[in-house]
């Protein structure tokens, strides 16, 4: 009985499978190497964050005397802070007439960063100092942001001791300056922000005060004056343009009259001839 011949596998198929295995192996090795490189990048990023934190802490201390000097000078300007708030496009949208009246007693705004600023949340965000006023009894009301025991951002604030009938956080139908009654659907008071602790990690008003207004409040205090100066400049430019247009028209008329005069003289000369 004849022995059956052995059937060999196609050589091309084996080569293809070997090539795929080799490609998979090289890809896996590349992924592992990329992971190692990424770990080194992450390590340097972490090191950079620590160095940046040290620099931030250093310069935060160096800035404090200047912040204090600025606050002392601002205290000499009546209604500085309420003017800065009213001139800020985002904050002004949160203010109603009664809020602005209450904020006229505001004499100082101060943002204090805690010594450990790495998380970015452990910040005494707003500390507002008021003279004695007709709205509440506190000398200071504040809102503070930090990380709680679970590592989540949270906030707390000073309870506002409102004087009788002056609680702006309670909507009422009291007449406004223009005699119009506030209805129950009107926007809530700016001071509701002090009792709002729903999402401390995304407190837009706090971020605006800390990162935008606090670094340079003077630019917002002067914003209305700058706008007025710009409007005056525009009016002056328009006036100059109108004058120039008038001069051009007047000049054209003079030239036309001169031509008529010359033409008249020529005609008279011809008649005499």
Protein backbone atom coordinates (compact mmCIF):
# COMPACT_ATOMS: atom_id res chain seq x y z
CA UNK A 1 0.00 0.00 0.00
CA UNK A 2 1.44 3.33 -1.04
CA UNK A 3 2.11 5.96 1.65
CA UNK A 4 0.07 9.10 1.01
CA UNK A 5 2.14 12.09 0.06
CA UNK A 6 2.54 14.85 2.67
CA UNK A 7 0.63 18.04 1.88
CA UNK A 8 2.75 21.10 2.62
CA UNK A 9 1.17 24.42 3.66
CA UNK A 10 1.49 27.23 1.22
CA UNK A 11 4.69 29.04 1.92
CA UNK A 12 3.15 32.46 1.23
CA UNK A 13 0.51 32.01 3.94
CA UNK A 14 3.13 31.22 6.57
CA UNK A 15 5.14 34.28 5.63
CA UNK A 16 2.02 36.49 5.87
CA UNK A 17 1.17 35.20 9.35
CA UNK A 18 4.74 35.66 10.50
CA UNK A 19 4.72 39.22 9.18
CA UNK A 20 1.48 39.99 11.06
CA UNK A 21 2.88 38.55 14.28
CA UNK A 22 6.05 40.57 13.88
CA UNK A 23 4.04 43.75 13.20
CA UNK A 24 1.87 43.12 16.29
CA UNK A 25 4.96 42.56 18.39
CA UNK A 26 6.62 45.76 17.17
CA UNK A 27 3.39 47.72 17.74
CA UNK A 28 3.11 46.40 21.30
CA UNK A 29 6.73 47.27 21.99
CA UNK A 30 6.17 50.80 20.61
CA UNK A 31 3.12 51.24 22.86
CA UNK A 32 5.12 50.17 25.91
CA UNK A 33 7.94 52.56 25.00
CA UNK A 34 5.47 55.42 24.43
CA UNK A 35 4.02 54.70 27.88
CA UNK A 36 7.49 54.90 29.42
CA UNK A 37 8.20 58.21 27.65
CA UNK A 38 4.79 59.55 28.72
CA UNK A 39 5.60 58.65 32.32
CA UNK A 40 8.78 60.73 32.05
CA UNK A 41 6.79 63.65 30.61
CA UNK A 42 4.25 63.36 33.43
CA UNK A 43 7.07 63.31 35.96
CA UNK A 44 8.52 66.51 34.50
CA UNK A 45 5.07 68.12 34.43
CA UNK A 46 4.59 67.29 38.08
CA UNK A 47 8.03 68.68 38.88
CA UNK A 48 7.21 71.84 36.91
CA UNK A 49 3.94 72.22 38.84
CA UNK A 50 5.81 72.04 42.12
CA UNK A 51 8.32 74.64 40.92
CA UNK A 52 5.53 76.91 39.64
CA UNK A 53 3.75 76.56 42.99
CA UNK A 54 6.88 77.70 44.83
CA UNK A 55 7.20 80.71 42.52
CA UNK A 56 3.50 81.56 42.94
CA UNK A 57 3.80 81.34 46.73
CA UNK A 58 6.92 83.52 46.66
CA UNK A 59 5.37 86.26 44.55
CA UNK A 60 2.05 86.05 46.35
CA UNK A 61 3.88 87.13 49.51
CA UNK A 62 5.79 89.85 47.65
CA UNK A 63 2.52 91.30 46.25
CA UNK A 64 0.83 91.65 49.64
CA UNK A 65 2.35 95.03 50.67
CA UNK A 66 1.35 96.49 47.30
CA UNK A 67 -2.20 95.15 47.61
CA UNK A 68 -2.39 96.76 51.06
CA UNK A 69 -1.07 100.08 49.77
CA UNK A 70 -3.55 99.96 46.88
CA UNK A 71 -6.44 99.26 49.27
CA UNK A 72 -5.45 102.21 51.45
CA UNK A 73 -5.46 104.52 48.41
CA UNK A 74 -8.75 103.10 47.09
CA UNK A 75 -10.29 103.88 50.48
CA UNK A 76 -9.86 107.59 49.71
CA UNK A 77 -12.12 107.33 46.64
CA UNK A 78 -15.88 107.22 47.37
CA UNK A 79 -17.86 104.48 45.59
CA UNK A 80 -14.73 103.03 43.99
CA UNK A 81 -15.76 99.37 44.23
CA UNK A 82 -19.42 99.76 43.33
CA UNK A 83 -18.32 101.78 40.27
CA UNK A 84 -15.86 99.06 39.27
CA UNK A 85 -18.59 96.41 39.63
CA UNK A 86 -21.13 98.44 37.66
CA UNK A 87 -18.59 99.01 34.88
CA UNK A 88 -17.73 95.31 34.64
CA UNK A 89 -19.93 93.71 31.94
CA UNK A 90 -20.43 90.38 33.72
CA UNK A 91 -20.90 91.68 37.27
CA UNK A 92 -23.17 94.55 36.27
CA UNK A 93 -25.61 92.05 34.78
CA UNK A 94 -26.08 90.59 38.28
CA UNK A 95 -26.84 93.91 39.98
CA UNK A 96 -30.25 95.45 40.47
CA UNK A 97 -30.90 98.96 41.75
CA UNK A 98 -31.11 97.97 45.41
CA UNK A 99 -27.88 95.96 45.12
CA UNK A 100 -26.11 99.06 43.82
CA UNK A 101 -27.48 101.13 46.70
CA UNK A 102 -26.22 98.59 49.24
CA UNK A 103 -22.83 98.31 47.53
CA UNK A 104 -22.30 102.06 47.83
CA UNK A 105 -21.34 101.34 51.45
CA UNK A 106 -18.58 99.03 50.25
CA UNK A 107 -15.18 100.41 51.24
CA UNK A 108 -12.84 97.49 50.63
CA UNK A 109 -12.64 94.30 48.60
CA UNK A 110 -9.83 91.87 49.35
CA UNK A 111 -8.91 88.53 47.85
CA UNK A 112 -6.73 86.39 50.11
CA UNK A 113 -5.07 83.27 48.80
CA UNK A 114 -4.23 80.64 51.38
CA UNK A 115 -0.60 79.64 51.76
CA UNK A 116 -1.33 76.27 50.14
CA UNK A 117 -2.65 77.40 46.75
CA UNK A 118 -1.85 74.19 44.86
CA UNK A 119 -5.46 73.02 44.55
CA UNK A 120 -6.70 76.42 43.40
CA UNK A 121 -9.82 76.14 45.61
CA UNK A 122 -8.57 76.86 49.08
CA UNK A 123 -9.05 80.58 48.64
CA UNK A 124 -10.74 83.25 50.73
CA UNK A 125 -12.35 84.57 47.62
CA UNK A 126 -14.12 87.72 48.72
CA UNK A 127 -13.81 89.72 51.88
CA UNK A 128 -16.05 92.78 51.78
CA UNK A 129 -15.78 95.53 54.39
CA UNK A 130 -18.72 97.88 54.91
CA UNK A 131 -19.19 101.06 56.92
CA UNK A 132 -22.30 101.08 59.08
CA UNK A 133 -25.18 101.09 56.62
CA UNK A 134 -28.92 100.77 56.42
CA UNK A 135 -28.89 97.24 54.98
CA UNK A 136 -26.99 94.93 57.33
CA UNK A 137 -25.03 94.96 60.56
CA UNK A 138 -21.89 93.05 59.50
CA UNK A 139 -18.59 94.89 59.27
CA UNK A 140 -17.31 92.07 57.09
CA UNK A 141 -19.04 89.51 54.88
CA UNK A 142 -16.99 86.91 53.09
CA UNK A 143 -17.14 83.84 50.92
CA UNK A 144 -14.43 81.23 51.11
CA UNK A 145 -13.48 78.44 48.71
CA UNK A 146 -11.48 75.35 49.66
CA UNK A 147 -11.32 71.57 49.34
CA UNK A 148 -13.36 69.53 51.80
CA UNK A 149 -12.31 66.25 53.47
CA UNK A 150 -13.19 64.20 50.38
CA UNK A 151 -11.07 66.41 48.12
CA UNK A 152 -14.10 68.04 46.47
CA UNK A 153 -14.29 71.84 46.11
CA UNK A 154 -16.66 73.47 48.57
CA UNK A 155 -17.45 76.93 49.87
CA UNK A 156 -18.78 78.68 52.94
CA UNK A 157 -19.73 82.25 53.73
CA UNK A 158 -20.46 84.68 56.51
CA UNK A 159 -24.17 84.82 57.40
CA UNK A 160 -25.44 88.30 56.53
CA UNK A 161 -27.21 90.02 59.43
CA UNK A 162 -29.83 91.95 57.51
CA UNK A 163 -31.59 94.86 59.16
CA UNK A 164 -35.34 94.68 59.52
CA UNK A 165 -37.05 94.69 56.12
CA UNK A 166 -33.75 95.08 54.21
CA UNK A 167 -33.00 91.47 53.24
CA UNK A 168 -32.31 91.82 49.52
CA UNK A 169 -32.17 88.05 49.04
CA UNK A 170 -35.90 87.81 49.69
CA UNK A 171 -37.89 88.91 46.66
CA UNK A 172 -40.66 91.36 47.38
CA UNK A 173 -42.95 93.81 45.61
CA UNK A 174 -41.35 96.97 46.94
CA UNK A 175 -41.34 99.97 44.58
CA UNK A 176 -38.10 100.72 42.74
CA UNK A 177 -36.69 104.17 41.98
CA UNK A 178 -38.89 104.62 38.94
CA UNK A 179 -42.05 103.70 40.84
CA UNK A 180 -42.15 100.29 39.16
CA UNK A 181 -42.89 97.34 41.44
CA UNK A 182 -40.51 94.43 41.40
CA UNK A 183 -42.37 91.28 40.45
CA UNK A 184 -41.59 87.83 41.80
CA UNK A 185 -39.96 86.78 38.53
CA UNK A 186 -37.32 89.52 38.66
CA UNK A 187 -33.66 88.49 38.89
CA UNK A 188 -32.33 87.51 42.28
CA UNK A 189 -30.09 89.80 44.28
CA UNK A 190 -26.32 89.90 43.89
CA UNK A 191 -26.14 89.01 47.60
CA UNK A 192 -27.70 85.59 46.93
CA UNK A 193 -24.22 84.63 45.75
CA UNK A 194 -23.07 84.49 49.38
CA UNK A 195 -25.53 81.71 50.18
CA UNK A 196 -25.11 79.78 46.94
CA UNK A 197 -22.82 76.80 47.56
CA UNK A 198 -24.25 74.47 44.92
CA UNK A 199 -21.21 74.23 42.64
CA UNK A 200 -18.15 75.67 44.32
CA UNK A 201 -15.89 74.26 41.62
CA UNK A 202 -17.51 76.44 38.94
CA UNK A 203 -18.33 79.69 40.72
CA UNK A 204 -18.17 82.17 37.84
CA UNK A 205 -18.66 85.32 39.92
CA UNK A 206 -15.92 84.31 42.33
CA UNK A 207 -13.55 83.59 39.45
CA UNK A 208 -14.32 86.97 37.83
CA UNK A 209 -13.62 88.86 41.06
CA UNK A 210 -10.45 86.90 41.81
CA UNK A 211 -8.92 86.61 38.35
CA UNK A 212 -10.24 89.69 36.54
CA UNK A 213 -11.30 92.52 38.83
CA UNK A 214 -8.91 92.00 41.77
CA UNK A 215 -5.64 92.06 39.75
CA UNK A 216 -6.47 95.53 38.35
CA UNK A 217 -9.73 97.12 39.58
CA UNK A 218 -8.66 100.57 38.42
CA UNK A 219 -9.29 99.71 34.78
CA UNK A 220 -12.96 99.04 35.56
CA UNK A 221 -13.33 102.08 37.81
CA UNK A 222 -12.07 104.24 34.93
CA UNK A 223 -13.99 102.34 32.23
CA UNK A 224 -16.92 104.79 32.11
CA UNK A 225 -14.57 107.79 31.84
CA UNK A 226 -12.63 106.13 29.03
CA UNK A 227 -15.89 105.40 27.19
CA UNK A 228 -17.00 109.02 27.62
CA UNK A 229 -13.66 110.30 26.32
CA UNK A 230 -13.97 107.96 23.35
CA UNK A 231 -17.46 109.24 22.64
CA UNK A 232 -16.23 112.84 22.82
CA UNK A 233 -13.40 112.01 20.43
CA UNK A 234 -15.89 110.47 18.01
CA UNK A 235 -18.03 113.60 18.16
CA UNK A 236 -14.99 115.81 17.56
CA UNK A 237 -13.97 113.71 14.57
CA UNK A 238 -17.50 113.88 13.15
CA UNK A 239 -17.46 117.67 13.63
CA UNK A 240 -14.15 117.96 11.79
CA UNK A 241 -15.46 115.82 8.95
CA UNK A 242 -18.57 117.98 8.65
CA UNK A 243 -16.42 121.13 8.58
CA UNK A 244 -14.16 119.66 5.91
CA UNK A 245 -17.16 118.66 3.81
CA UNK A 246 -18.55 122.19 4.17
CA UNK A 247 -15.24 123.72 3.14
CA UNK A 248 -15.07 121.47 0.07
CA UNK A 249 -18.55 122.49 -1.01
CA UNK A 250 -17.80 126.15 -0.38
CA UNK A 251 -14.55 125.90 -2.35
CA UNK A 252 -16.34 124.33 -5.31
CA UNK A 253 -18.90 127.15 -5.33
CA UNK A 254 -16.15 129.76 -5.36
CA UNK A 255 -14.44 128.07 -8.28
CA UNK A 256 -17.71 127.93 -10.20
CA UNK A 257 -18.35 131.62 -9.58
CA UNK A 258 -14.87 132.45 -10.82
CA UNK A 259 -15.48 130.60 -14.06
CA UNK A 260 -18.73 132.48 -14.64
CA UNK A 261 -16.97 135.77 -14.10
CA UNK A 262 -14.27 134.92 -16.63
CA UNK A 263 -16.88 133.80 -19.14
CA UNK A 264 -18.74 137.08 -18.71
CA UNK A 265 -15.64 139.14 -19.35
CA UNK A 266 -14.92 137.20 -22.57
CA UNK A 267 -18.41 137.80 -23.85
CA UNK A 268 -18.17 141.53 -23.16
CA UNK A 269 -14.81 141.65 -24.99
CA UNK A 270 -16.30 140.01 -28.06
CA UNK A 271 -19.21 142.44 -28.17
CA UNK A 272 -16.87 145.43 -28.00
CA UNK A 273 -14.76 144.00 -30.81
